[in-house]
Amino acid sequence: MQSVIVCRGCGRTIERDFIYCPWCGHSKINEDNTESFEEVFERLEKMQDASRGQQLVALQQQLDELASELNTLALSAEMHK
């Protein structure tokens, strides 16, 4: 098994020999290797939290639209009785 590292750009595991991450294109050239795994995981958690926040906002907008459509349908059904 080849040794792998965590990409500092996207957080995916890549082979240590790669110069660029095949997923996000982040370059390993001229990087200092002082960042610990804890720092990497903290940064990834922040990225995930931000992504979850964006997903929650999008879901809330979809729910609001569905509620509006449901209200319209209910009103339409009441008018056609």
PDB file of N, CA and C in Angstrom:
ATOM      1  N   MET A   1       0.848  -1.189   0.000  1.00  0.00           N
ATOM      2  CA  MET A   1       0.000   0.000   0.000  1.00  0.00           C
ATOM      3  C   MET A   1       0.888   1.246   0.000  1.00  0.00           C
ATOM      4  N   GLN A   2       0.561   2.187  -0.862  1.00  0.00           N
ATOM      5  CA  GLN A   2       1.341   3.416  -0.914  1.00  0.00           C
ATOM      6  C   GLN A   2       0.941   4.321   0.238  1.00  0.00           C
ATOM      7  N   SER A   3       1.872   5.143   0.657  1.00  0.00           N
ATOM      8  CA  SER A   3       1.562   6.082   1.721  1.00  0.00           C
ATOM      9  C   SER A   3       0.707   7.209   1.158  1.00  0.00           C
ATOM     10  N   VAL A   4      -0.202   7.678   1.978  1.00  0.00           N
ATOM     11  CA  VAL A   4      -1.109   8.740   1.565  1.00  0.00           C
ATOM     12  C   VAL A   4      -1.007   9.899   2.546  1.00  0.00           C
ATOM     13  N   ILE A   5      -1.438  11.044   2.079  1.00  0.00           N
ATOM     14  CA  ILE A   5      -1.516  12.243   2.909  1.00  0.00           C
ATOM     15  C   ILE A   5      -2.884  12.867   2.703  1.00  0.00           C
ATOM     16  N   VAL A   6      -3.198  13.831   3.541  1.00  0.00           N
ATOM     17  CA  VAL A   6      -4.456  14.554   3.426  1.00  0.00           C
ATOM     18  C   VAL A   6      -4.196  15.838   2.657  1.00  0.00           C
ATOM     19  N   CYS A   7      -4.975  16.069   1.600  1.00  0.00           N
ATOM     20  CA  CYS A   7      -4.839  17.294   0.809  1.00  0.00           C
ATOM     21  C   CYS A   7      -5.252  18.483   1.665  1.00  0.00           C
ATOM     22  N   ARG A   8      -4.460  19.514   1.639  1.00  0.00           N
ATOM     23  CA  ARG A   8      -4.783  20.712   2.422  1.00  0.00           C
ATOM     24  C   ARG A   8      -5.815  21.593   1.744  1.00  0.00           C
ATOM     25  N   GLY A   9      -6.108  21.296   0.498  1.00  0.00           N
ATOM     26  CA  GLY A   9      -7.102  22.072  -0.226  1.00  0.00           C
ATOM     27  C   GLY A   9      -8.515  21.554  -0.030  1.00  0.00           C
ATOM     28  N   CYS A  10      -8.677  20.220  -0.131  1.00  0.00           N
ATOM     29  CA  CYS A  10     -10.029  19.662  -0.072  1.00  0.00           C
ATOM     30  C   CYS A  10     -10.213  18.620   1.021  1.00  0.00           C
ATOM     31  N   GLY A  11      -9.115  18.138   1.618  1.00  0.00           N
ATOM     32  CA  GLY A  11      -9.223  17.193   2.715  1.00  0.00           C
ATOM     33  C   GLY A  11      -9.298  15.737   2.322  1.00  0.00           C
ATOM     34  N   ARG A  12      -9.218  15.450   1.051  1.00  0.00           N
ATOM     35  CA  ARG A  12      -9.250  14.052   0.615  1.00  0.00           C
ATOM     36  C   ARG A  12      -7.850  13.448   0.730  1.00  0.00           C
ATOM     37  N   THR A  13      -7.806  12.133   0.821  1.00  0.00           N
ATOM     38  CA  THR A  13      -6.511  11.480   0.877  1.00  0.00           C
ATOM     39  C   THR A  13      -5.972  11.312  -0.540  1.00  0.00           C
ATOM     40  N   ILE A  14      -4.692  11.599  -0.678  1.00  0.00           N
ATOM     41  CA  ILE A  14      -4.015  11.458  -1.967  1.00  0.00           C
ATOM     42  C   ILE A  14      -2.686  10.756  -1.729  1.00  0.00           C
ATOM     43  N   GLU A  15      -2.135  10.206  -2.784  1.00  0.00           N
ATOM     44  CA  GLU A  15      -0.836   9.561  -2.671  1.00  0.00           C
ATOM     45  C   GLU A  15       0.229  10.602  -2.380  1.00  0.00           C
ATOM     46  N   ARG A  16       1.169  10.229  -1.551  1.00  0.00           N
ATOM     47  CA  ARG A  16       2.225  11.151  -1.126  1.00  0.00           C
ATOM     48  C   ARG A  16       3.047  11.660  -2.312  1.00  0.00           C
ATOM     49  N   ASP A  17       3.185  10.871  -3.356  1.00  0.00           N
ATOM     50  CA  ASP A  17       4.009  11.247  -4.504  1.00  0.00           C
ATOM     51  C   ASP A  17       3.361  12.290  -5.405  1.00  0.00           C
ATOM     52  N   PHE A  18       2.060  12.518  -5.269  1.00  0.00           N
ATOM     53  CA  PHE A  18       1.376  13.482  -6.131  1.00  0.00           C
ATOM     54  C   PHE A  18       1.889  14.889  -5.853  1.00  0.00           C
ATOM     55  N   ILE A  19       2.051  15.660  -6.919  1.00  0.00           N
ATOM     56  CA  ILE A  19       2.445  17.060  -6.778  1.00  0.00           C
ATOM     57  C   ILE A  19       1.201  17.930  -6.646  1.00  0.00           C
ATOM     58  N   TYR A  20       0.152  17.554  -7.352  1.00  0.00           N
ATOM     59  CA  TYR A  20      -1.125  18.260  -7.304  1.00  0.00           C
ATOM     60  C   TYR A  20      -2.208  17.284  -6.877  1.00  0.00           C
ATOM     61  N   CYS A  21      -3.184  17.780  -6.157  1.00  0.00           N
ATOM     62  CA  CYS A  21      -4.315  16.951  -5.777  1.00  0.00           C
ATOM     63  C   CYS A  21      -5.164  16.686  -7.020  1.00  0.00           C
ATOM     64  N   PRO A  22      -5.477  15.419  -7.314  1.00  0.00           N
ATOM     65  CA  PRO A  22      -6.297  15.134  -8.494  1.00  0.00           C
ATOM     66  C   PRO A  22      -7.750  15.574  -8.321  1.00  0.00           C
ATOM     67  N   TRP A  23      -8.159  15.862  -7.098  1.00  0.00           N
ATOM     68  CA  TRP A  23      -9.553  16.242  -6.838  1.00  0.00           C
ATOM     69  C   TRP A  23      -9.762  17.752  -6.950  1.00  0.00           C
ATOM     70  N   CYS A  24      -8.854  18.539  -6.344  1.00  0.00           N
ATOM     71  CA  CYS A  24      -9.071  19.992  -6.335  1.00  0.00           C
ATOM     72  C   CYS A  24      -7.959  20.783  -7.010  1.00  0.00           C
ATOM     73  N   GLY A  25      -6.827  20.123  -7.345  1.00  0.00           N
ATOM     74  CA  GLY A  25      -5.738  20.800  -8.015  1.00  0.00           C
ATOM     75  C   GLY A  25      -4.780  21.531  -7.092  1.00  0.00           C
ATOM     76  N   HIS A  26      -4.990  21.421  -5.790  1.00  0.00           N
ATOM     77  CA  HIS A  26      -4.107  22.096  -4.830  1.00  0.00           C
ATOM     78  C   HIS A  26      -2.680  21.585  -4.984  1.00  0.00           C
ATOM     79  N   SER A  27      -1.724  22.496  -4.991  1.00  0.00           N
ATOM     80  CA  SER A  27      -0.323  22.149  -5.193  1.00  0.00           C
ATOM     81  C   SER A  27       0.360  21.869  -3.857  1.00  0.00           C
ATOM     82  N   LYS A  28       1.210  20.842  -3.852  1.00  0.00           N
ATOM     83  CA  LYS A  28       1.999  20.542  -2.666  1.00  0.00           C
ATOM     84  C   LYS A  28       3.361  21.225  -2.709  1.00  0.00           C
ATOM     85  N   ILE A  29       3.688  21.882  -3.806  1.00  0.00           N
ATOM     86  CA  ILE A  29       4.988  22.522  -3.969  1.00  0.00           C
ATOM     87  C   ILE A  29       5.102  23.703  -3.005  1.00  0.00           C
ATOM     88  N   ASN A  30       6.258  23.850  -2.407  1.00  0.00           N
ATOM     89  CA  ASN A  30       6.580  24.940  -1.481  1.00  0.00           C
ATOM     90  C   ASN A  30       5.668  24.988  -0.259  1.00  0.00           C
ATOM     91  N   GLU A  31       5.192  23.854   0.176  1.00  0.00           N
ATOM     92  CA  GLU A  31       4.386  23.820   1.387  1.00  0.00           C
ATOM     93  C   GLU A  31       5.276  23.443   2.554  1.00  0.00           C
ATOM     94  N   ASP A  32       4.991  24.042   3.682  1.00  0.00           N
ATOM     95  CA  ASP A  32       5.665  23.561   4.875  1.00  0.00           C
ATOM     96  C   ASP A  32       4.767  22.507   5.493  1.00  0.00           C
ATOM     97  N   ASN A  33       5.352  21.515   6.051  1.00  0.00           N
ATOM     98  CA  ASN A  33       4.599  20.390   6.592  1.00  0.00           C
ATOM     99  C   ASN A  33       4.407  20.517   8.094  1.00  0.00           C
ATOM    100  N   THR A  34       4.166  21.739   8.562  1.00  0.00           N
ATOM    101  CA  THR A  34       4.027  21.951   9.996  1.00  0.00           C
ATOM    102  C   THR A  34       2.587  21.769  10.467  1.00  0.00           C
ATOM    103  N   GLU A  35       1.631  21.702   9.564  1.00  0.00           N
ATOM    104  CA  GLU A  35       0.229  21.573   9.956  1.00  0.00           C
ATOM    105  C   GLU A  35      -0.022  20.153  10.463  1.00  0.00           C
ATOM    106  N   SER A  36      -0.553  20.064  11.666  1.00  0.00           N
ATOM    107  CA  SER A  36      -0.799  18.755  12.256  1.00  0.00           C
ATOM    108  C   SER A  36      -2.140  18.213  11.766  1.00  0.00           C
ATOM    109  N   PHE A  37      -2.343  16.925  12.020  1.00  0.00           N
ATOM    110  CA  PHE A  37      -3.618  16.324  11.647  1.00  0.00           C
ATOM    111  C   PHE A  37      -4.772  17.003  12.368  1.00  0.00           C
ATOM    112  N   GLU A  38      -4.561  17.405  13.602  1.00  0.00           N
ATOM    113  CA  GLU A  38      -5.625  18.090  14.342  1.00  0.00           C
ATOM    114  C   GLU A  38      -6.024  19.379  13.634  1.00  0.00           C
ATOM    115  N   GLU A  39      -5.041  20.136  13.169  1.00  0.00           N
ATOM    116  CA  GLU A  39      -5.335  21.380  12.458  1.00  0.00           C
ATOM    117  C   GLU A  39      -6.082  21.098  11.157  1.00  0.00           C
ATOM    118  N   VAL A  40      -5.654  20.048  10.458  1.00  0.00           N
ATOM    119  CA  VAL A  40      -6.320  19.678   9.208  1.00  0.00           C
ATOM    120  C   VAL A  40      -7.768  19.304   9.484  1.00  0.00           C
ATOM    121  N   PHE A  41      -7.987  18.475  10.498  1.00  0.00           N
ATOM    122  CA  PHE A  41      -9.346  18.038  10.796  1.00  0.00           C
ATOM    123  C   PHE A  41     -10.208  19.182  11.310  1.00  0.00           C
ATOM    124  N   GLU A  42      -9.624  20.097  12.071  1.00  0.00           N
ATOM    125  CA  GLU A  42     -10.385  21.266  12.517  1.00  0.00           C
ATOM    126  C   GLU A  42     -10.831  22.103  11.323  1.00  0.00           C
ATOM    127  N   ARG A  43      -9.905  22.290  10.378  1.00  0.00           N
ATOM    128  CA  ARG A  43     -10.240  23.069   9.178  1.00  0.00           C
ATOM    129  C   ARG A  43     -11.316  22.357   8.360  1.00  0.00           C
ATOM    130  N   LEU A  44     -11.199  21.032   8.252  1.00  0.00           N
ATOM    131  CA  LEU A  44     -12.201  20.269   7.518  1.00  0.00           C
ATOM    132  C   LEU A  44     -13.563  20.335   8.200  1.00  0.00           C
ATOM    133  N   GLU A  45     -13.567  20.288   9.530  1.00  0.00           N
ATOM    134  CA  GLU A  45     -14.829  20.407  10.258  1.00  0.00           C
ATOM    135  C   GLU A  45     -15.480  21.763   9.997  1.00  0.00           C
ATOM    136  N   LYS A  46     -14.672  22.808   9.954  1.00  0.00           N
ATOM    137  CA  LYS A  46     -15.205  24.141   9.658  1.00  0.00           C
ATOM    138  C   LYS A  46     -15.798  24.185   8.250  1.00  0.00           C
ATOM    139  N   MET A  47     -15.088  23.558   7.305  1.00  0.00           N
ATOM    140  CA  MET A  47     -15.599  23.514   5.929  1.00  0.00           C
ATOM    141  C   MET A  47     -16.917  22.737   5.876  1.00  0.00           C
ATOM    142  N   GLN A  48     -16.987  21.629   6.597  1.00  0.00           N
ATOM    143  CA  GLN A  48     -18.206  20.824   6.620  1.00  0.00           C
ATOM    144  C   GLN A  48     -19.343  21.592   7.285  1.00  0.00           C
ATOM    145  N   ASP A  49     -19.047  22.297   8.378  1.00  0.00           N
ATOM    146  CA  ASP A  49     -20.073  23.091   9.047  1.00  0.00           C
ATOM    147  C   ASP A  49     -20.626  24.167   8.127  1.00  0.00           C
ATOM    148  N   ALA A  50     -19.730  24.826   7.395  1.00  0.00           N
ATOM    149  CA  ALA A  50     -20.175  25.860   6.455  1.00  0.00           C
ATOM    150  C   ALA A  50     -21.039  25.246   5.363  1.00  0.00           C
ATOM    151  N   SER A  51     -20.627  24.086   4.870  1.00  0.00           N
ATOM    152  CA  SER A  51     -21.395  23.403   3.830  1.00  0.00           C
ATOM    153  C   SER A  51     -22.765  22.991   4.359  1.00  0.00           C
ATOM    154  N   ARG A  52     -22.799  22.465   5.585  1.00  0.00           N
ATOM    155  CA  ARG A  52     -24.082  22.078   6.185  1.00  0.00           C
ATOM    156  C   ARG A  52     -24.984  23.290   6.354  1.00  0.00           C
ATOM    157  N   GLY A  53     -24.396  24.424   6.749  1.00  0.00           N
ATOM    158  CA  GLY A  53     -25.179  25.644   6.903  1.00  0.00           C
ATOM    159  C   GLY A  53     -25.803  26.068   5.582  1.00  0.00           C
ATOM    160  N   GLN A  54     -25.023  25.978   4.512  1.00  0.00           N
ATOM    161  CA  GLN A  54     -25.551  26.329   3.190  1.00  0.00           C
ATOM    162  C   GLN A  54     -26.655  25.355   2.776  1.00  0.00           C
ATOM    163  N   GLN A  55     -26.464  24.076   3.081  1.00  0.00           N
ATOM    164  CA  GLN A  55     -27.482  23.079   2.746  1.00  0.00           C
ATOM    165  C   GLN A  55     -28.764  23.342   3.534  1.00  0.00           C
ATOM    166  N   LEU A  56     -28.621  23.714   4.802  1.00  0.00           N
ATOM    167  CA  LEU A  56     -29.805  23.996   5.615  1.00  0.00           C
ATOM    168  C   LEU A  56     -30.568  25.207   5.090  1.00  0.00           C
ATOM    169  N   VAL A  57     -29.848  26.220   4.660  1.00  0.00           N
ATOM    170  CA  VAL A  57     -30.501  27.404   4.092  1.00  0.00           C
ATOM    171  C   VAL A  57     -31.261  27.026   2.827  1.00  0.00           C
ATOM    172  N   ALA A  58     -30.632  26.222   1.971  1.00  0.00           N
ATOM    173  CA  ALA A  58     -31.286  25.793   0.729  1.00  0.00           C
ATOM    174  C   ALA A  58     -32.513  24.938   1.036  1.00  0.00           C
ATOM    175  N   LEU A  59     -32.405  24.055   2.003  1.00  0.00           N
ATOM    176  CA  LEU A  59     -33.559  23.220   2.382  1.00  0.00           C
ATOM    177  C   LEU A  59     -34.682  24.068   2.949  1.00  0.00           C
ATOM    178  N   GLN A  60     -34.336  25.074   3.750  1.00  0.00           N
ATOM    179  CA  GLN A  60     -35.363  25.956   4.313  1.00  0.00           C
ATOM    180  C   GLN A  60     -36.085  26.715   3.196  1.00  0.00           C
ATOM    181  N   GLN A  61     -35.357  27.153   2.191  1.00  0.00           N
ATOM    182  CA  GLN A  61     -35.987  27.836   1.061  1.00  0.00           C
ATOM    183  C   GLN A  61     -36.922  26.896   0.314  1.00  0.00           C
ATOM    184  N   GLN A  62     -36.489  25.649   0.121  1.00  0.00           N
ATOM    185  CA  GLN A  62     -37.343  24.660  -0.552  1.00  0.00           C
ATOM    186  C   GLN A  62     -38.596  24.385   0.267  1.00  0.00           C
ATOM    187  N   LEU A  63     -38.449  24.275   1.577  1.00  0.00           N
ATOM    188  CA  LEU A  63     -39.608  24.042   2.442  1.00  0.00           C
ATOM    189  C   LEU A  63     -40.575  25.216   2.396  1.00  0.00           C
ATOM    190  N   ASP A  64     -40.042  26.429   2.392  1.00  0.00           N
ATOM    191  CA  ASP A  64     -40.892  27.610   2.291  1.00  0.00           C
ATOM    192  C   ASP A  64     -41.670  27.622   0.977  1.00  0.00           C
ATOM    193  N   GLU A  65     -40.986  27.268  -0.121  1.00  0.00           N
ATOM    194  CA  GLU A  65     -41.658  27.212  -1.418  1.00  0.00           C
ATOM    195  C   GLU A  65     -42.736  26.134  -1.430  1.00  0.00           C
ATOM    196  N   LEU A  66     -42.433  24.971  -0.858  1.00  0.00           N
ATOM    197  CA  LEU A  66     -43.426  23.894  -0.796  1.00  0.00           C
ATOM    198  C   LEU A  66     -44.623  24.284   0.059  1.00  0.00           C
ATOM    199  N   ALA A  67     -44.362  24.962   1.170  1.00  0.00           N
ATOM    200  CA  ALA A  67     -45.462  25.414   2.028  1.00  0.00           C
ATOM    201  C   ALA A  67     -46.349  26.412   1.287  1.00  0.00           C
ATOM    202  N   SER A  68     -45.729  27.294   0.526  1.00  0.00           N
ATOM    203  CA  SER A  68     -46.489  28.264  -0.253  1.00  0.00           C
ATOM    204  C   SER A  68     -47.342  27.569  -1.312  1.00  0.00           C
ATOM    205  N   GLU A  69     -46.741  26.601  -2.012  1.00  0.00           N
ATOM    206  CA  GLU A  69     -47.493  25.848  -3.019  1.00  0.00           C
ATOM    207  C   GLU A  69     -48.630  25.055  -2.388  1.00  0.00           C
ATOM    208  N   LEU A  70     -48.377  24.483  -1.229  1.00  0.00           N
ATOM    209  CA  LEU A  70     -49.416  23.727  -0.531  1.00  0.00           C
ATOM    210  C   LEU A  70     -50.567  24.633  -0.116  1.00  0.00           C
ATOM    211  N   ASN A  71     -50.245  25.819   0.362  1.00  0.00           N
ATOM    212  CA  ASN A  71     -51.288  26.777   0.724  1.00  0.00           C
ATOM    213  C   ASN A  71     -52.113  27.172  -0.494  1.00  0.00           C
ATOM    214  N   THR A  72     -51.442  27.371  -1.627  1.00  0.00           N
ATOM    215  CA  THR A  72     -52.136  27.720  -2.863  1.00  0.00           C
ATOM    216  C   THR A  72     -53.064  26.590  -3.299  1.00  0.00           C
ATOM    217  N   LEU A  73     -52.571  25.358  -3.226  1.00  0.00           N
ATOM    218  CA  LEU A  73     -53.396  24.213  -3.602  1.00  0.00           C
ATOM    219  C   LEU A  73     -54.582  24.045  -2.665  1.00  0.00           C
ATOM    220  N   ALA A  74     -54.359  24.244  -1.375  1.00  0.00           N
ATOM    221  CA  ALA A  74     -55.458  24.119  -0.420  1.00  0.00           C
ATOM    222  C   ALA A  74     -56.504  25.197  -0.673  1.00  0.00           C
ATOM    223  N   LEU A  75     -56.073  26.406  -0.939  1.00  0.00           N
ATOM    224  CA  LEU A  75     -57.010  27.506  -1.233  1.00  0.00           C
ATOM    225  C   LEU A  75     -57.759  27.225  -2.514  1.00  0.00           C
ATOM    226  N   SER A  76     -57.054  26.708  -3.516  1.00  0.00           N
ATOM    227  CA  SER A  76     -57.699  26.368  -4.782  1.00  0.00           C
ATOM    228  C   SER A  76     -58.733  25.267  -4.587  1.00  0.00           C
ATOM    229  N   ALA A  77     -58.414  24.281  -3.787  1.00  0.00           N
ATOM    230  CA  ALA A  77     -59.359  23.187  -3.521  1.00  0.00           C
ATOM    231  C   ALA A  77     -60.593  23.710  -2.795  1.00  0.00           C
ATOM    232  N   GLU A  78     -60.403  24.631  -1.867  1.00  0.00           N
ATOM    233  CA  GLU A  78     -61.532  25.202  -1.140  1.00  0.00           C
ATOM    234  C   GLU A  78     -62.433  26.028  -2.060  1.00  0.00           C
ATOM    235  N   MET A  79     -61.837  26.715  -3.016  1.00  0.00           N
ATOM    236  CA  MET A  79     -62.608  27.557  -3.924  1.00  0.00           C
ATOM    237  C   MET A  79     -63.398  26.712  -4.910  1.00  0.00           C
ATOM    238  N   HIS A  80     -62.924  25.508  -5.243  1.00  0.00           N
ATOM    239  CA  HIS A  80     -63.598  24.673  -6.206  1.00  0.00           C
ATOM    240  C   HIS A  80     -64.639  23.751  -5.593  1.00  0.00           C
ATOM    241  N   LYS A  81     -64.865  23.844  -4.314  1.00  0.00           N
ATOM    242  CA  LYS A  81     -65.878  23.000  -3.663  1.00  0.00           C
ATOM    243  C   LYS A  81     -67.260  23.489  -3.955  1.00  0.00           C
TER     244      LYS A  81
END
